[in-house]
Amino acid sequence: MRNTTVYCDPEYIVNDTYVEREVTYVHRIIRINRQHIVNVPRNVYRTVTRNVVIDPGIPDECDDCDNHKEHKKHKKNHGEER
């Protein structure tokens, strides 16, 4: 009888170790200063003064004609009697 050798698939035993390695991640921060323009109404009032003359015209008779019994009618020309 001959001696026969059979080789089986190897069995792996893994011993894992971990070594830290620093990886730098750069995070950019952009600051934006914004100014918003807001329209605000500003009311300005201009005052105008007008002088108005109201002319009633020349009266047809004097204001006291009703109180005067002797005067019946007056002319337009300053109270002359007819």
PDB file of N, CA and C in Angstrom:
ATOM      1  N   MET A   1       0.806  -1.167   0.000  1.00  0.00           N
ATOM      2  CA  MET A   1       0.000   0.000   0.000  1.00  0.00           C
ATOM      3  C   MET A   1       0.857   1.242   0.000  1.00  0.00           C
ATOM      4  N   ARG A   2       0.371   2.111  -0.753  1.00  0.00           N
ATOM      5  CA  ARG A   2       1.119   3.353  -0.870  1.00  0.00           C
ATOM      6  C   ARG A   2       0.518   4.383   0.045  1.00  0.00           C
ATOM      7  N   ASN A   3       1.315   5.239   0.468  1.00  0.00           N
ATOM      8  CA  ASN A   3       0.875   6.307   1.348  1.00  0.00           C
ATOM      9  C   ASN A   3       0.397   7.461   0.480  1.00  0.00           C
ATOM     10  N   THR A   4      -0.807   7.915   0.685  1.00  0.00           N
ATOM     11  CA  THR A   4      -1.383   8.965  -0.103  1.00  0.00           C
ATOM     12  C   THR A   4      -1.613  10.172   0.811  1.00  0.00           C
ATOM     13  N   THR A   5      -1.287  11.302   0.264  1.00  0.00           N
ATOM     14  CA  THR A   5      -1.481  12.541   1.027  1.00  0.00           C
ATOM     15  C   THR A   5      -2.521  13.379   0.294  1.00  0.00           C
ATOM     16  N   VAL A   6      -3.475  13.858   1.030  1.00  0.00           N
ATOM     17  CA  VAL A   6      -4.513  14.717   0.477  1.00  0.00           C
ATOM     18  C   VAL A   6      -4.349  16.106   1.137  1.00  0.00           C
ATOM     19  N   TYR A   7      -4.290  17.082   0.315  1.00  0.00           N
ATOM     20  CA  TYR A   7      -4.166  18.454   0.820  1.00  0.00           C
ATOM     21  C   TYR A   7      -5.544  19.118   0.797  1.00  0.00           C
ATOM     22  N   CYS A   8      -5.979  19.560   1.905  1.00  0.00           N
ATOM     23  CA  CYS A   8      -7.274  20.266   2.022  1.00  0.00           C
ATOM     24  C   CYS A   8      -7.040  21.763   1.805  1.00  0.00           C
ATOM     25  N   ASP A   9      -8.155  22.461   1.490  1.00  0.00           N
ATOM     26  CA  ASP A   9      -8.071  23.935   1.365  1.00  0.00           C
ATOM     27  C   ASP A   9      -7.659  24.524   2.703  1.00  0.00           C
ATOM     28  N   PRO A  10      -6.834  25.556   2.658  1.00  0.00           N
ATOM     29  CA  PRO A  10      -6.363  26.109   3.926  1.00  0.00           C
ATOM     30  C   PRO A  10      -7.489  26.826   4.696  1.00  0.00           C
ATOM     31  N   GLU A  11      -7.353  26.843   5.933  1.00  0.00           N
ATOM     32  CA  GLU A  11      -8.273  27.575   6.802  1.00  0.00           C
ATOM     33  C   GLU A  11      -7.554  28.854   7.208  1.00  0.00           C
ATOM     34  N   TYR A  12      -8.237  30.002   6.989  1.00  0.00           N
ATOM     35  CA  TYR A  12      -7.605  31.299   7.256  1.00  0.00           C
ATOM     36  C   TYR A  12      -8.039  31.802   8.622  1.00  0.00           C
ATOM     37  N   ILE A  13      -7.129  32.236   9.353  1.00  0.00           N
ATOM     38  CA  ILE A  13      -7.408  32.906  10.618  1.00  0.00           C
ATOM     39  C   ILE A  13      -6.905  34.334  10.457  1.00  0.00           C
ATOM     40  N   VAL A  14      -7.840  35.252  10.541  1.00  0.00           N
ATOM     41  CA  VAL A  14      -7.524  36.665  10.287  1.00  0.00           C
ATOM     42  C   VAL A  14      -7.531  37.412  11.603  1.00  0.00           C
ATOM     43  N   ASN A  15      -6.490  38.118  11.854  1.00  0.00           N
ATOM     44  CA  ASN A  15      -6.393  38.966  13.036  1.00  0.00           C
ATOM     45  C   ASN A  15      -6.418  40.413  12.537  1.00  0.00           C
ATOM     46  N   ASP A  16      -7.594  41.071  12.681  1.00  0.00           N
ATOM     47  CA  ASP A  16      -7.745  42.452  12.200  1.00  0.00           C
ATOM     48  C   ASP A  16      -7.296  43.426  13.270  1.00  0.00           C
ATOM     49  N   THR A  17      -6.495  44.392  12.871  1.00  0.00           N
ATOM     50  CA  THR A  17      -6.140  45.518  13.731  1.00  0.00           C
ATOM     51  C   THR A  17      -6.472  46.796  12.969  1.00  0.00           C
ATOM     52  N   TYR A  18      -6.721  47.835  13.707  1.00  0.00           N
ATOM     53  CA  TYR A  18      -7.112  49.103  13.096  1.00  0.00           C
ATOM     54  C   TYR A  18      -6.137  50.182  13.500  1.00  0.00           C
ATOM     55  N   VAL A  19      -5.712  50.921  12.523  1.00  0.00           N
ATOM     56  CA  VAL A  19      -4.800  52.028  12.755  1.00  0.00           C
ATOM     57  C   VAL A  19      -5.509  53.289  12.254  1.00  0.00           C
ATOM     58  N   GLU A  20      -5.555  54.298  13.093  1.00  0.00           N
ATOM     59  CA  GLU A  20      -6.229  55.543  12.713  1.00  0.00           C
ATOM     60  C   GLU A  20      -5.365  56.356  11.761  1.00  0.00           C
ATOM     61  N   ARG A  21      -6.024  56.932  10.787  1.00  0.00           N
ATOM     62  CA  ARG A  21      -5.372  57.841   9.862  1.00  0.00           C
ATOM     63  C   ARG A  21      -6.267  59.066   9.752  1.00  0.00           C
ATOM     64  N   GLU A  22      -5.717  60.216   9.987  1.00  0.00           N
ATOM     65  CA  GLU A  22      -6.491  61.451   9.962  1.00  0.00           C
ATOM     66  C   GLU A  22      -6.723  61.897   8.531  1.00  0.00           C
ATOM     67  N   VAL A  23      -7.980  62.151   8.224  1.00  0.00           N
ATOM     68  CA  VAL A  23      -8.360  62.664   6.908  1.00  0.00           C
ATOM     69  C   VAL A  23      -9.008  64.022   7.139  1.00  0.00           C
ATOM     70  N   THR A  24      -8.526  65.060   6.522  1.00  0.00           N
ATOM     71  CA  THR A  24      -9.029  66.412   6.719  1.00  0.00           C
ATOM     72  C   THR A  24     -10.158  66.693   5.729  1.00  0.00           C
ATOM     73  N   TYR A  25     -11.292  67.104   6.255  1.00  0.00           N
ATOM     74  CA  TYR A  25     -12.426  67.553   5.442  1.00  0.00           C
ATOM     75  C   TYR A  25     -12.582  69.049   5.683  1.00  0.00           C
ATOM     76  N   VAL A  26     -12.525  69.833   4.644  1.00  0.00           N
ATOM     77  CA  VAL A  26     -12.630  71.286   4.752  1.00  0.00           C
ATOM     78  C   VAL A  26     -14.078  71.667   4.440  1.00  0.00           C
ATOM     79  N   HIS A  27     -14.724  72.281   5.410  1.00  0.00           N
ATOM     80  CA  HIS A  27     -16.097  72.783   5.237  1.00  0.00           C
ATOM     81  C   HIS A  27     -16.020  74.291   5.107  1.00  0.00           C
ATOM     82  N   ARG A  28     -16.388  74.800   3.952  1.00  0.00           N
ATOM     83  CA  ARG A  28     -16.340  76.242   3.727  1.00  0.00           C
ATOM     84  C   ARG A  28     -17.609  76.890   4.270  1.00  0.00           C
ATOM     85  N   ILE A  29     -17.422  77.973   4.972  1.00  0.00           N
ATOM     86  CA  ILE A  29     -18.536  78.767   5.489  1.00  0.00           C
ATOM     87  C   ILE A  29     -18.431  80.143   4.858  1.00  0.00           C
ATOM     88  N   ILE A  30     -19.471  80.537   4.167  1.00  0.00           N
ATOM     89  CA  ILE A  30     -19.496  81.851   3.519  1.00  0.00           C
ATOM     90  C   ILE A  30     -20.528  82.702   4.244  1.00  0.00           C
ATOM     91  N   ARG A  31     -20.098  83.782   4.836  1.00  0.00           N
ATOM     92  CA  ARG A  31     -20.997  84.706   5.522  1.00  0.00           C
ATOM     93  C   ARG A  31     -21.354  85.831   4.567  1.00  0.00           C
ATOM     94  N   ILE A  32     -22.637  86.086   4.450  1.00  0.00           N
ATOM     95  CA  ILE A  32     -23.123  87.132   3.553  1.00  0.00           C
ATOM     96  C   ILE A  32     -23.874  88.151   4.393  1.00  0.00           C
ATOM     97  N   ASN A  33     -23.425  89.387   4.356  1.00  0.00           N
ATOM     98  CA  ASN A  33     -24.125  90.490   5.021  1.00  0.00           C
ATOM     99  C   ASN A  33     -24.976  91.187   3.968  1.00  0.00           C
ATOM    100  N   ARG A  34     -26.291  91.095   4.132  1.00  0.00           N
ATOM    101  CA  ARG A  34     -27.203  91.679   3.149  1.00  0.00           C
ATOM    102  C   ARG A  34     -27.952  92.850   3.766  1.00  0.00           C
ATOM    103  N   GLN A  35     -28.102  93.903   2.995  1.00  0.00           N
ATOM    104  CA  GLN A  35     -28.907  95.052   3.400  1.00  0.00           C
ATOM    105  C   GLN A  35     -30.111  95.114   2.476  1.00  0.00           C
ATOM    106  N   HIS A  36     -31.280  95.113   3.072  1.00  0.00           N
ATOM    107  CA  HIS A  36     -32.513  95.200   2.310  1.00  0.00           C
ATOM    108  C   HIS A  36     -33.047  96.618   2.417  1.00  0.00           C
ATOM    109  N   ILE A  37     -33.361  97.208   1.286  1.00  0.00           N
ATOM    110  CA  ILE A  37     -33.898  98.561   1.271  1.00  0.00           C
ATOM    111  C   ILE A  37     -35.410  98.468   1.353  1.00  0.00           C
ATOM    112  N   VAL A  38     -35.974  99.177   2.323  1.00  0.00           N
ATOM    113  CA  VAL A  38     -37.414  99.196   2.532  1.00  0.00           C
ATOM    114  C   VAL A  38     -37.891 100.625   2.298  1.00  0.00           C
ATOM    115  N   ASN A  39     -38.850 100.797   1.414  1.00  0.00           N
ATOM    116  CA  ASN A  39     -39.384 102.124   1.134  1.00  0.00           C
ATOM    117  C   ASN A  39     -40.352 102.528   2.246  1.00  0.00           C
ATOM    118  N   VAL A  40     -40.085 103.675   2.849  1.00  0.00           N
ATOM    119  CA  VAL A  40     -40.918 104.214   3.919  1.00  0.00           C
ATOM    120  C   VAL A  40     -41.471 105.550   3.429  1.00  0.00           C
ATOM    121  N   PRO A  41     -42.806 105.701   3.397  1.00  0.00           N
ATOM    122  CA  PRO A  41     -43.356 106.965   2.893  1.00  0.00           C
ATOM    123  C   PRO A  41     -43.077 108.128   3.848  1.00  0.00           C
ATOM    124  N   ARG A  42     -42.760 109.247   3.288  1.00  0.00           N
ATOM    125  CA  ARG A  42     -42.576 110.489   4.048  1.00  0.00           C
ATOM    126  C   ARG A  42     -43.492 111.510   3.419  1.00  0.00           C
ATOM    127  N   ASN A  43     -44.545 111.876   4.130  1.00  0.00           N
ATOM    128  CA  ASN A  43     -45.538 112.800   3.601  1.00  0.00           C
ATOM    129  C   ASN A  43     -45.131 114.233   3.922  1.00  0.00           C
ATOM    130  N   VAL A  44     -45.125 115.061   2.920  1.00  0.00           N
ATOM    131  CA  VAL A  44     -44.799 116.476   3.068  1.00  0.00           C
ATOM    132  C   VAL A  44     -46.014 117.259   2.586  1.00  0.00           C
ATOM    133  N   TYR A  45     -46.490 118.169   3.409  1.00  0.00           N
ATOM    134  CA  TYR A  45     -47.653 118.975   3.059  1.00  0.00           C
ATOM    135  C   TYR A  45     -47.209 120.421   2.862  1.00  0.00           C
ATOM    136  N   ARG A  46     -47.605 120.997   1.739  1.00  0.00           N
ATOM    137  CA  ARG A  46     -47.320 122.401   1.482  1.00  0.00           C
ATOM    138  C   ARG A  46     -48.611 123.179   1.658  1.00  0.00           C
ATOM    139  N   THR A  47     -48.565 124.208   2.474  1.00  0.00           N
ATOM    140  CA  THR A  47     -49.736 125.022   2.770  1.00  0.00           C
ATOM    141  C   THR A  47     -49.747 126.240   1.869  1.00  0.00           C
ATOM    142  N   VAL A  48     -50.877 126.480   1.264  1.00  0.00           N
ATOM    143  CA  VAL A  48     -51.056 127.660   0.425  1.00  0.00           C
ATOM    144  C   VAL A  48     -52.152 128.509   1.063  1.00  0.00           C
ATOM    145  N   THR A  49     -51.875 129.789   1.282  1.00  0.00           N
ATOM    146  CA  THR A  49     -52.866 130.715   1.832  1.00  0.00           C
ATOM    147  C   THR A  49     -53.315 131.644   0.719  1.00  0.00           C
ATOM    148  N   ARG A  50     -54.627 131.706   0.525  1.00  0.00           N
ATOM    149  CA  ARG A  50     -55.174 132.587  -0.507  1.00  0.00           C
ATOM    150  C   ARG A  50     -56.064 133.616   0.156  1.00  0.00           C
ATOM    151  N   ASN A  51     -55.899 134.852  -0.239  1.00  0.00           N
ATOM    152  CA  ASN A  51     -56.760 135.926   0.229  1.00  0.00           C
ATOM    153  C   ASN A  51     -57.837 136.151  -0.821  1.00  0.00           C
ATOM    154  N   VAL A  52     -59.066 135.953  -0.431  1.00  0.00           N
ATOM    155  CA  VAL A  52     -60.193 136.080  -1.350  1.00  0.00           C
ATOM    156  C   VAL A  52     -61.066 137.217  -0.843  1.00  0.00           C
ATOM    157  N   VAL A  53     -61.407 138.153  -1.716  1.00  0.00           N
ATOM    158  CA  VAL A  53     -62.279 139.277  -1.370  1.00  0.00           C
ATOM    159  C   VAL A  53     -63.649 138.982  -1.960  1.00  0.00           C
ATOM    160  N   ILE A  54     -64.663 138.952  -1.110  1.00  0.00           N
ATOM    161  CA  ILE A  54     -66.037 138.744  -1.549  1.00  0.00           C
ATOM    162  C   ILE A  54     -66.702 140.113  -1.581  1.00  0.00           C
ATOM    163  N   ASP A  55     -67.052 140.589  -2.760  1.00  0.00           N
ATOM    164  CA  ASP A  55     -67.681 141.892  -2.927  1.00  0.00           C
ATOM    165  C   ASP A  55     -69.175 141.680  -3.198  1.00  0.00           C
ATOM    166  N   PRO A  56     -70.017 142.086  -2.268  1.00  0.00           N
ATOM    167  CA  PRO A  56     -71.445 141.886  -2.481  1.00  0.00           C
ATOM    168  C   PRO A  56     -72.027 142.847  -3.518  1.00  0.00           C
ATOM    169  N   GLY A  57     -71.255 143.775  -3.994  1.00  0.00           N
ATOM    170  CA  GLY A  57     -71.756 144.755  -4.967  1.00  0.00           C
ATOM    171  C   GLY A  57     -72.382 145.958  -4.249  1.00  0.00           C
ATOM    172  N   ILE A  58     -72.892 146.915  -5.006  1.00  0.00           N
ATOM    173  CA  ILE A  58     -73.513 148.122  -4.439  1.00  0.00           C
ATOM    174  C   ILE A  58     -74.958 147.777  -4.096  1.00  0.00           C
ATOM    175  N   PRO A  59     -75.378 148.057  -2.868  1.00  0.00           N
ATOM    176  CA  PRO A  59     -76.744 147.708  -2.488  1.00  0.00           C
ATOM    177  C   PRO A  59     -77.777 148.567  -3.224  1.00  0.00           C
ATOM    178  N   ASP A  60     -78.967 147.987  -3.444  1.00  0.00           N
ATOM    179  CA  ASP A  60     -80.056 148.724  -4.078  1.00  0.00           C
ATOM    180  C   ASP A  60     -80.703 149.699  -3.102  1.00  0.00           C
ATOM    181  N   GLU A  61     -80.728 149.372  -1.847  1.00  0.00           N
ATOM    182  CA  GLU A  61     -81.292 150.251  -0.822  1.00  0.00           C
ATOM    183  C   GLU A  61     -80.498 150.069   0.449  1.00  0.00           C
ATOM    184  N   CYS A  62     -80.641 151.026   1.350  1.00  0.00           N
ATOM    185  CA  CYS A  62     -79.876 150.950   2.585  1.00  0.00           C
ATOM    186  C   CYS A  62     -80.508 149.919   3.510  1.00  0.00           C
ATOM    187  N   ASP A  63     -79.716 149.436   4.436  1.00  0.00           N
ATOM    188  CA  ASP A  63     -80.191 148.411   5.366  1.00  0.00           C
ATOM    189  C   ASP A  63     -81.286 148.926   6.298  1.00  0.00           C
ATOM    190  N   ASP A  64     -81.305 150.213   6.537  1.00  0.00           N
ATOM    191  CA  ASP A  64     -82.268 150.786   7.482  1.00  0.00           C
ATOM    192  C   ASP A  64     -83.535 151.287   6.803  1.00  0.00           C
ATOM    193  N   CYS A  65     -83.739 151.021   5.511  1.00  0.00           N
ATOM    194  CA  CYS A  65     -84.906 151.548   4.793  1.00  0.00           C
ATOM    195  C   CYS A  65     -86.224 151.075   5.398  1.00  0.00           C
ATOM    196  N   ASP A  66     -86.265 149.849   5.884  1.00  0.00           N
ATOM    197  CA  ASP A  66     -87.499 149.353   6.476  1.00  0.00           C
ATOM    198  C   ASP A  66     -87.824 150.089   7.782  1.00  0.00           C
ATOM    199  N   ASN A  67     -86.824 150.614   8.442  1.00  0.00           N
ATOM    200  CA  ASN A  67     -87.037 151.325   9.713  1.00  0.00           C
ATOM    201  C   ASN A  67     -87.426 152.786   9.493  1.00  0.00           C
ATOM    202  N   HIS A  68     -87.173 153.306   8.336  1.00  0.00           N
ATOM    203  CA  HIS A  68     -87.488 154.714   8.046  1.00  0.00           C
ATOM    204  C   HIS A  68     -88.837 154.772   7.346  1.00  0.00           C
ATOM    205  N   LYS A  69     -89.798 155.372   7.968  1.00  0.00           N
ATOM    206  CA  LYS A  69     -91.117 155.453   7.354  1.00  0.00           C
ATOM    207  C   LYS A  69     -91.159 156.537   6.290  1.00  0.00           C
ATOM    208  N   GLU A  70     -90.335 157.590   6.432  1.00  0.00           N
ATOM    209  CA  GLU A  70     -90.380 158.671   5.461  1.00  0.00           C
ATOM    210  C   GLU A  70     -89.667 158.317   4.164  1.00  0.00           C
ATOM    211  N   HIS A  71     -88.773 157.388   4.189  1.00  0.00           N
ATOM    212  CA  HIS A  71     -88.058 157.002   2.967  1.00  0.00           C
ATOM    213  C   HIS A  71     -88.793 155.844   2.328  1.00  0.00           C
ATOM    214  N   LYS A  72     -89.122 155.956   1.105  1.00  0.00           N
ATOM    215  CA  LYS A  72     -89.791 154.873   0.409  1.00  0.00           C
ATOM    216  C   LYS A  72     -88.815 154.151  -0.498  1.00  0.00           C
ATOM    217  N   LYS A  73     -88.023 154.878  -1.250  1.00  0.00           N
ATOM    218  CA  LYS A  73     -87.057 154.277  -2.143  1.00  0.00           C
ATOM    219  C   LYS A  73     -85.839 155.146  -2.233  1.00  0.00           C
ATOM    220  N   HIS A  74     -84.734 154.527  -2.427  1.00  0.00           N
ATOM    221  CA  HIS A  74     -83.477 155.262  -2.597  1.00  0.00           C
ATOM    222  C   HIS A  74     -82.909 154.919  -3.952  1.00  0.00           C
ATOM    223  N   LYS A  75     -82.211 155.896  -4.491  1.00  0.00           N
ATOM    224  CA  LYS A  75     -81.490 155.631  -5.713  1.00  0.00           C
ATOM    225  C   LYS A  75     -80.198 154.912  -5.361  1.00  0.00           C
ATOM    226  N   LYS A  76     -79.557 154.396  -6.376  1.00  0.00           N
ATOM    227  CA  LYS A  76     -78.298 153.692  -6.154  1.00  0.00           C
ATOM    228  C   LYS A  76     -77.221 154.649  -5.711  1.00  0.00           C
ATOM    229  N   ASN A  77     -77.423 155.878  -5.888  1.00  0.00           N
ATOM    230  CA  ASN A  77     -76.364 156.806  -5.632  1.00  0.00           C
ATOM    231  C   ASN A  77     -76.489 157.431  -4.236  1.00  0.00           C
ATOM    232  N   HIS A  78     -76.102 156.686  -3.310  1.00  0.00           N
ATOM    233  CA  HIS A  78     -75.880 157.028  -1.894  1.00  0.00           C
ATOM    234  C   HIS A  78     -77.097 157.635  -1.209  1.00  0.00           C
ATOM    235  N   GLY A  79     -78.169 157.022  -1.320  1.00  0.00           N
ATOM    236  CA  GLY A  79     -79.320 157.382  -0.496  1.00  0.00           C
ATOM    237  C   GLY A  79     -80.048 158.643  -0.874  1.00  0.00           C
ATOM    238  N   GLU A  80     -80.010 159.131  -2.095  1.00  0.00           N
ATOM    239  CA  GLU A  80     -80.814 160.300  -2.458  1.00  0.00           C
ATOM    240  C   GLU A  80     -82.254 159.881  -2.609  1.00  0.00           C
ATOM    241  N   GLU A  81     -83.172 160.677  -2.105  1.00  0.00           N
ATOM    242  CA  GLU A  81     -84.591 160.358  -2.199  1.00  0.00           C
ATOM    243  C   GLU A  81     -85.132 160.729  -3.560  1.00  0.00           C
ATOM    244  N   ARG A  82     -86.224 160.098  -3.944  1.00  0.00           N
ATOM    245  CA  ARG A  82     -86.918 160.449  -5.174  1.00  0.00           C
ATOM    246  C   ARG A  82     -88.005 161.414  -4.914  1.00  0.00           C
TER     247      ARG A  82
END
